Amino acid sequence: MTLPDKMYGVVMTGHGGPEMLEVRDNLTVPTPGPNDVIIRVGAAGVNNTDINTRTAWYSKGEGEDADAGWAGTPLEFPRIQGADVCGRIVAVGRNVAASRIGERVLIEPCLRVADGEEHSPPWYFGSECDGGFAQYARVDTSHAYAVKSDLTDIELASFPCSYSTAENMLTRANVKAGETVLVTGASGGVGSATVQLARARGAKVIVVTSPAKMDTLRDLGATRTLPRDADLVSELGAGSIDVVVDLVAGPGWPALLDVLRPGGRYAVAGAIGGAMVELDVRTLYLKDLSFFGCTVLEPEVFGTLVGRIERSEIKPLVAEVFELKDINAAQIAFGDKGYTGKIVLKVDHA
C-alpha cells in the first residue's frame, strides 16, 4: 500500500481549553523507523487522560508546566493525542516482518519503547509522542498487538486504555477468586472495565455509582451497588473488603481504608473527586495495608487483556460514537458523565 503524504487529524497546540484542539488536513503522515509499524487508524477512544493532558492537570508545579506529561516532562506542541487505537498495519520498518502488514491491532498505550529508544519512565501514547487522533499513527512493533475478534474497530477501540488500566490495578493488587473488591467511579470507562475484569478473575464486586447507572453495572457483574453518598462503613462494615480499586479519591477517601480488612490492598489510578486526601497514617500501618499507585503497565497486562478480548471474557461498552472532527462535542459529552462505558471517535478514510 502506498501511503499518502498528508492526513487529517486533531492536534493540541498547547495547554488550555477546547480551543487548543485544531482539526487539520495537512498533517504529515508518519514514516516508520527501523522497528516501527504504521497503523491506519479505524477508531480511537476518548479518555480522561486526553483532557487532563490538555489542561496540564498532571502538573504539580507552576509556571511552565514542566511536569505536565505522563513522564513528568514538558510536552512538545503540536501534539496528536489519542491513547486508545484500533486499526490495521499498513507499513513496517526494515527490521519488522512484512507479514505484519494487514494485521488488525490494538496499541498498548504505555510505551516502554518509542522512537527507537527504551524509556524509563515509559512514554504514553498521545502524550510524549503522537497518538491516534489522526488517520495514521506510528508505534514500535512491540506495542502493536494483533487481535483476532469479530468486534468492530469502534468496539475494540474502547478497550486499550481503560481496560489495561483496570487489569493493571487488579494485577498489582493480586486480586484472586473469592475475594471482595470495592470499585469507586464504577460507571466510567476504567470502572466498568474493572467490574468485568474482576468478575473474570472470580472476585465478588461491589460498586459505588449513581442510581441511574446501577442496573447497567449489575448487568456487567456487580453483586451490590451503592450510591455515591453512602456511608460505606455502615453499609459494608469495617474490615469487610479485600481490595479497593479507587478512581475517585476526594473527601470520602478515608472511609475506603476503614472498610479494608487487615492486610487489605488499595489500588488507585484516578482522582476525579479531588486529588488531595486526608490520611491517618496509623490506619495504614496498624492494619498492614498495601497501597498501589498504578500508571505503568506490568509487562504481562496488555497481552492478558487481548487474550480476554479474543476469548470473549469481557465485552465492549460503547456509549456514543462521534466523528473525529467532532472531538470537542465528544469531550463535552465525556465531561457530562451521563453515560456508562466509553465514548469513541470514528476515523474516516473516505
Protein backbone atom coordinates (compact mmCIF):
# COMPACT_ATOMS: atom_id res chain seq x y z
CA MET A 1 0.00 0.00 0.00
CA THR A 2 1.31 3.43 -0.95
CA LEU A 3 0.72 5.88 1.86
CA PRO A 4 -0.36 9.45 1.20
CA ASP A 5 1.94 12.31 2.14
CA LYS A 6 -0.69 14.17 4.15
CA MET A 7 -3.51 13.19 6.50
CA TYR A 8 -6.14 14.84 8.61
CA GLY A 9 -6.24 14.70 12.37
CA VAL A 10 -6.61 16.72 15.55
CA VAL A 11 -3.63 18.48 17.10
CA MET A 12 -3.27 20.01 20.54
CA THR A 13 -1.46 23.31 20.15
CA GLY A 14 -0.85 23.98 23.86
CA HIS A 15 -2.27 23.58 27.35
CA GLY A 16 -5.69 25.09 27.94
CA GLY A 17 -9.31 24.72 26.94
CA PRO A 18 -11.01 23.13 23.92
CA GLU A 19 -9.69 25.95 21.74
CA MET A 20 -6.30 24.24 21.95
CA LEU A 21 -7.60 21.42 19.72
CA GLU A 22 -7.42 22.07 15.97
CA VAL A 23 -8.65 19.85 13.13
CA ARG A 24 -6.10 19.94 10.31
CA ASP A 25 -5.97 18.22 6.91
CA ASN A 26 -2.30 18.90 6.16
CA LEU A 27 -0.55 16.80 8.80
CA THR A 28 2.44 14.78 7.65
CA VAL A 29 1.85 11.03 7.53
CA PRO A 30 4.42 9.38 9.82
CA THR A 31 7.14 7.21 8.35
CA PRO A 32 8.35 4.09 10.18
CA GLY A 33 11.65 3.84 11.98
CA PRO A 34 13.51 0.53 11.70
CA ASN A 35 11.38 -1.18 14.38
CA ASP A 36 8.12 0.71 13.86
CA VAL A 37 4.79 -0.04 12.26
CA ILE A 38 2.40 2.46 10.68
CA ILE A 39 -1.25 1.92 11.56
CA ARG A 40 -4.24 3.10 9.57
CA VAL A 41 -6.46 4.20 12.44
CA GLY A 42 -10.02 2.92 12.34
CA ALA A 43 -11.25 4.27 15.67
CA ALA A 44 -9.87 5.94 18.77
CA GLY A 45 -11.38 6.19 22.25
CA VAL A 46 -11.79 9.31 24.39
CA ASN A 47 -10.26 9.24 27.87
CA ASN A 48 -9.78 11.36 30.97
CA THR A 49 -6.08 11.47 30.15
CA ASP A 50 -6.79 13.43 26.94
CA ILE A 51 -8.46 16.22 28.88
CA ASN A 52 -6.06 16.04 31.82
CA THR A 53 -3.09 16.36 29.50
CA ARG A 54 -4.63 19.27 27.62
CA THR A 55 -5.39 21.18 30.83
CA ALA A 56 -1.99 20.31 32.40
CA TRP A 57 -3.81 18.61 35.29
CA TYR A 58 -0.88 16.25 35.79
CA SER A 59 1.45 19.13 36.57
CA LYS A 60 2.07 19.65 40.28
CA GLY A 61 4.20 22.71 39.65
CA GLU A 62 3.50 26.22 38.46
CA GLY A 63 4.53 28.39 35.57
CA GLU A 64 5.92 26.48 32.61
CA ASP A 65 4.02 23.18 33.01
CA ALA A 66 7.40 21.49 33.23
CA ASP A 67 5.92 18.24 34.55
CA ALA A 68 2.62 18.20 32.65
CA GLY A 69 3.22 14.97 30.73
CA TRP A 70 2.80 11.39 31.90
CA ALA A 71 6.57 11.05 32.13
CA GLY A 72 6.89 14.20 34.25
CA THR A 73 8.41 16.24 31.43
CA PRO A 74 7.16 19.13 29.27
CA LEU A 75 5.14 18.21 26.19
CA GLU A 76 6.10 19.24 22.68
CA PHE A 77 3.47 21.00 20.56
CA PRO A 78 1.67 20.50 18.33
CA ARG A 79 0.82 17.04 19.64
CA ILE A 80 -1.63 14.47 18.29
CA GLN A 81 -3.39 12.95 21.30
CA GLY A 82 -5.30 9.68 21.48
CA ALA A 83 -4.23 6.71 23.62
CA ASP A 84 -6.94 4.23 22.51
CA VAL A 85 -6.41 2.92 18.99
CA CYS A 86 -7.68 0.09 16.84
CA GLY A 87 -6.52 -0.11 13.25
CA ARG A 88 -4.54 -2.07 10.68
CA ILE A 89 -0.82 -2.14 9.99
CA VAL A 90 -0.15 -0.67 6.54
CA ALA A 91 3.64 -0.21 6.59
CA VAL A 92 6.60 -1.54 8.57
CA GLY A 93 10.20 -0.59 9.27
CA ARG A 94 13.11 -2.55 7.83
CA ASN A 95 13.52 -4.72 10.95
CA VAL A 96 9.83 -5.71 11.10
CA ALA A 97 8.46 -8.72 9.23
CA ALA A 98 6.45 -7.66 6.18
CA SER A 99 3.91 -10.33 7.15
CA ARG A 100 2.63 -7.94 9.81
CA ILE A 101 1.13 -5.73 7.10
CA GLY A 102 -2.63 -6.19 7.16
CA GLU A 103 -2.88 -7.22 10.81
CA ARG A 104 -5.65 -5.63 12.82
CA VAL A 105 -4.07 -4.40 16.04
CA LEU A 106 -4.64 -2.69 19.33
CA ILE A 107 -1.94 -0.31 20.53
CA GLU A 108 -0.60 -0.73 24.04
CA PRO A 109 -0.71 2.87 25.34
CA CYS A 110 2.13 2.53 27.87
CA LEU A 111 5.25 2.67 25.70
CA ARG A 112 8.49 1.27 27.07
CA VAL A 113 9.98 1.65 23.59
CA ALA A 114 9.36 4.63 21.30
CA ASP A 115 11.35 6.45 18.63
CA GLY A 116 13.82 3.57 18.65
CA GLU A 117 14.75 4.01 22.31
CA GLU A 118 13.79 2.50 25.66
CA HIS A 119 12.19 4.96 28.07
CA SER A 120 12.06 4.93 31.85
CA PRO A 121 9.58 6.08 32.93
CA PRO A 122 7.66 4.88 29.87
CA TRP A 123 6.11 7.30 27.43
CA TYR A 124 2.35 7.39 26.95
CA PHE A 125 0.82 7.16 23.50
CA GLY A 126 -0.63 10.56 22.64
CA SER A 127 1.33 12.36 25.36
CA GLU A 128 5.11 12.06 24.97
CA CYS A 129 4.64 11.08 21.33
CA ASP A 130 1.86 11.44 18.77
CA GLY A 131 -1.18 9.20 19.24
CA GLY A 132 -4.29 8.07 17.42
CA PHE A 133 -6.45 11.16 16.78
CA ALA A 134 -5.42 11.09 13.12
CA GLN A 135 -5.71 8.86 10.07
CA TYR A 136 -2.31 7.22 10.64
CA ALA A 137 -0.17 6.56 13.69
CA ARG A 138 3.32 5.20 14.34
CA VAL A 139 4.36 2.88 17.16
CA ASP A 140 7.12 0.40 17.93
CA THR A 141 6.14 -3.06 16.69
CA SER A 142 6.33 -4.44 20.24
CA HIS A 143 3.39 -2.25 21.26
CA ALA A 144 1.11 -3.23 18.35
CA TYR A 145 -0.81 -6.33 19.46
CA ALA A 146 -2.59 -8.40 16.82
CA VAL A 147 -6.20 -9.07 17.83
CA LYS A 148 -8.50 -11.69 16.33
CA SER A 149 -12.09 -10.75 17.06
CA ASP A 150 -15.46 -10.30 15.41
CA LEU A 151 -15.86 -6.97 17.19
CA THR A 152 -15.78 -3.75 15.15
CA ASP A 153 -12.92 -1.26 15.22
CA ILE A 154 -15.15 1.06 17.26
CA GLU A 155 -15.83 -1.65 19.82
CA LEU A 156 -12.19 -2.69 20.02
CA ALA A 157 -11.05 0.93 20.42
CA SER A 158 -12.98 1.06 23.69
CA PHE A 159 -10.55 -1.39 25.31
CA PRO A 160 -6.86 -0.37 25.35
CA CYS A 161 -6.53 2.48 27.84
CA SER A 162 -9.40 1.86 30.25
CA TYR A 163 -9.26 -1.92 30.32
CA SER A 164 -5.47 -2.10 30.55
CA THR A 165 -5.58 0.41 33.42
CA ALA A 166 -8.18 -1.74 35.15
CA GLU A 167 -6.33 -5.01 34.51
CA ASN A 168 -3.12 -3.40 35.76
CA MET A 169 -4.73 -2.37 39.06
CA LEU A 170 -6.14 -5.85 39.56
CA THR A 171 -2.75 -7.35 38.69
CA ARG A 172 -0.81 -5.08 41.01
CA ALA A 173 -3.29 -5.77 43.84
CA ASN A 174 -3.17 -9.52 43.07
CA VAL A 175 -6.95 -9.93 43.07
CA LYS A 176 -7.92 -13.60 43.42
CA ALA A 177 -11.05 -15.69 43.06
CA GLY A 178 -13.35 -15.42 46.04
CA GLU A 179 -12.13 -12.00 47.17
CA THR A 180 -14.37 -8.95 47.51
CA VAL A 181 -13.43 -5.87 45.50
CA LEU A 182 -14.92 -2.39 46.02
CA VAL A 183 -14.82 -0.15 42.93
CA THR A 184 -15.38 3.62 43.04
CA GLY A 185 -16.26 5.64 39.94
CA ALA A 186 -17.64 2.41 38.54
CA SER A 187 -19.67 3.78 35.62
CA GLY A 188 -16.74 5.30 33.73
CA GLY A 189 -14.52 3.51 31.24
CA VAL A 190 -12.00 2.23 33.79
CA GLY A 191 -14.59 1.50 36.45
CA SER A 192 -16.89 -0.53 34.19
CA ALA A 193 -13.84 -2.37 32.86
CA THR A 194 -12.77 -3.18 36.42
CA VAL A 195 -16.15 -4.73 37.16
CA GLN A 196 -15.86 -7.09 34.20
CA LEU A 197 -12.20 -7.95 34.72
CA ALA A 198 -12.58 -8.58 38.45
CA ARG A 199 -15.53 -10.88 37.75
CA ALA A 200 -13.41 -12.67 35.14
CA ARG A 201 -10.95 -13.42 37.97
CA GLY A 202 -13.76 -14.88 40.08
CA ALA A 203 -13.96 -11.98 42.53
CA LYS A 204 -17.13 -10.53 44.06
CA VAL A 205 -17.56 -6.88 43.03
CA ILE A 206 -19.28 -4.05 44.93
CA VAL A 207 -19.56 -0.70 43.14
CA VAL A 208 -20.15 2.92 44.08
CA THR A 209 -22.06 4.81 41.40
CA SER A 210 -25.12 6.95 40.70
CA PRO A 211 -28.58 5.32 40.99
CA ALA A 212 -29.24 5.81 37.27
CA LYS A 213 -26.30 3.55 36.37
CA MET A 214 -26.77 0.77 38.89
CA ASP A 215 -28.73 -1.57 36.62
CA THR A 216 -26.07 -1.41 33.90
CA LEU A 217 -23.33 -2.26 36.38
CA ARG A 218 -25.33 -5.16 37.79
CA ASP A 219 -25.65 -6.45 34.22
CA LEU A 220 -21.84 -6.28 33.95
CA GLY A 221 -21.43 -8.43 37.05
CA ALA A 222 -21.60 -6.20 40.11
CA THR A 223 -23.12 -8.11 43.03
CA ARG A 224 -24.01 -4.98 45.00
CA THR A 225 -24.38 -1.29 44.15
CA LEU A 226 -24.10 1.68 46.49
CA PRO A 227 -24.87 5.36 45.86
CA ARG A 228 -22.05 7.88 45.96
CA ASP A 229 -23.25 9.40 49.22
CA ALA A 230 -23.43 6.05 51.02
CA ASP A 231 -21.83 5.63 54.43
CA LEU A 232 -19.50 2.80 53.42
CA VAL A 233 -18.71 1.64 56.94
CA SER A 234 -22.39 1.44 57.87
CA GLU A 235 -23.34 -0.27 54.63
CA LEU A 236 -20.44 -2.72 54.31
CA GLY A 237 -18.93 -2.97 57.76
CA ALA A 238 -15.40 -2.14 58.84
CA GLY A 239 -12.77 -4.57 57.62
CA SER A 240 -15.08 -6.25 55.09
CA ILE A 241 -13.28 -5.57 51.78
CA ASP A 242 -10.18 -7.32 50.42
CA VAL A 243 -9.29 -4.81 47.69
CA VAL A 244 -10.36 -1.25 46.91
CA VAL A 245 -9.96 -0.08 43.31
CA ASP A 246 -10.27 3.70 43.51
CA LEU A 247 -10.75 6.18 40.69
CA VAL A 248 -12.29 8.98 42.73
CA ALA A 249 -10.30 9.86 45.91
CA GLY A 250 -11.79 13.13 47.21
CA PRO A 251 -13.24 13.91 50.66
CA GLY A 252 -14.75 10.47 51.22
CA TRP A 253 -11.39 8.75 50.83
CA PRO A 254 -10.69 7.81 54.49
CA ALA A 255 -13.73 5.51 54.53
CA LEU A 256 -12.15 3.43 51.79
CA LEU A 257 -9.38 2.46 54.21
CA ASP A 258 -11.83 1.86 57.03
CA VAL A 259 -13.67 -0.83 55.05
CA LEU A 260 -10.48 -2.62 54.03
CA ARG A 261 -9.69 -5.71 56.07
CA PRO A 262 -6.35 -6.01 57.88
CA GLY A 263 -3.80 -6.83 55.18
CA GLY A 264 -6.08 -5.37 52.52
CA ARG A 265 -4.89 -3.72 49.33
CA TYR A 266 -5.72 -0.32 47.85
CA ALA A 267 -5.07 0.42 44.16
CA VAL A 268 -5.57 3.85 42.60
CA ALA A 269 -5.41 5.24 39.06
CA GLY A 270 -7.57 8.34 39.23
CA ALA A 271 -8.74 11.20 41.42
CA ILE A 272 -11.82 12.65 39.74
CA GLY A 273 -13.30 13.54 43.15
CA GLY A 274 -10.23 15.51 44.24
CA ALA A 275 -6.51 14.76 44.36
CA MET A 276 -5.87 15.86 47.94
CA VAL A 277 -7.00 13.45 50.67
CA GLU A 278 -6.56 13.10 54.42
CA LEU A 279 -4.59 10.06 55.56
CA ASP A 280 -4.36 8.84 59.14
CA VAL A 281 -1.05 7.04 58.87
CA ARG A 282 -1.98 4.87 61.85
CA THR A 283 -4.70 3.25 59.73
CA LEU A 284 -2.13 2.43 57.08
CA TYR A 285 0.40 0.74 59.33
CA LEU A 286 -1.77 -0.71 62.09
CA LYS A 287 -3.93 -2.51 59.51
CA ASP A 288 -0.90 -3.59 57.43
CA LEU A 289 -2.44 -2.12 54.29
CA SER A 290 -0.69 -2.12 50.92
CA PHE A 291 -1.04 0.85 48.56
CA PHE A 292 -0.54 0.62 44.80
CA GLY A 293 -0.29 3.69 42.61
CA CYS A 294 -0.93 2.36 39.12
CA THR A 295 0.23 4.08 35.96
CA VAL A 296 2.93 1.98 34.27
CA LEU A 297 1.51 -1.29 32.98
CA GLU A 298 3.06 -4.51 34.18
CA PRO A 299 4.64 -6.30 31.16
CA GLU A 300 2.04 -9.08 31.05
CA VAL A 301 -1.05 -6.89 31.36
CA PHE A 302 -1.77 -5.94 27.76
CA GLY A 303 -1.26 -9.43 26.38
CA THR A 304 -3.59 -10.76 29.09
CA LEU A 305 -6.19 -8.17 28.10
CA VAL A 306 -6.02 -9.08 24.40
CA GLY A 307 -6.47 -12.73 25.35
CA ARG A 308 -9.59 -11.92 27.35
CA ILE A 309 -10.98 -9.97 24.38
CA GLU A 310 -10.32 -12.83 21.97
CA ARG A 311 -11.97 -15.35 24.33
CA SER A 312 -15.00 -13.02 24.78
CA GLU A 313 -14.49 -12.97 28.55
CA ILE A 314 -15.20 -9.23 28.54
CA LYS A 315 -17.42 -7.13 26.33
CA PRO A 316 -17.13 -3.59 24.96
CA LEU A 317 -19.34 -0.91 26.40
CA VAL A 318 -19.58 1.89 23.83
CA ALA A 319 -21.84 4.69 25.00
CA GLU A 320 -21.63 7.01 21.98
CA VAL A 321 -19.71 7.42 18.72
CA PHE A 322 -18.54 10.72 17.19
CA GLU A 323 -16.64 11.61 14.04
CA LEU A 324 -13.03 12.62 14.70
CA LYS A 325 -13.77 16.16 13.51
CA ASP A 326 -16.37 16.43 16.27
CA ILE A 327 -13.85 15.84 19.05
CA ASN A 328 -14.95 18.91 21.03
CA ALA A 329 -18.53 17.64 21.14
CA ALA A 330 -17.22 14.22 22.17
CA GLN A 331 -15.21 15.69 25.03
CA ILE A 332 -18.20 17.74 26.19
CA ALA A 333 -20.30 14.56 26.26
CA PHE A 334 -17.45 12.84 28.08
CA GLY A 335 -17.35 15.58 30.70
CA ASP A 336 -21.12 15.41 31.28
CA LYS A 337 -20.70 11.82 32.59
CA GLY A 338 -24.24 10.96 31.59
CA TYR A 339 -23.26 7.55 30.25
CA THR A 340 -21.71 4.23 31.22
CA GLY A 341 -18.65 2.95 29.35
CA LYS A 342 -16.66 4.66 26.61
CA ILE A 343 -17.03 7.39 24.01
CA VAL A 344 -15.26 6.53 20.75
CA LEU A 345 -14.19 8.59 17.74
CA LYS A 346 -14.60 7.11 14.27
CA VAL A 347 -11.76 7.94 11.90
CA ASP A 348 -13.00 8.33 8.33
CA HIS A 349 -10.68 7.40 5.46
CA ALA A 350 -13.04 8.28 2.62
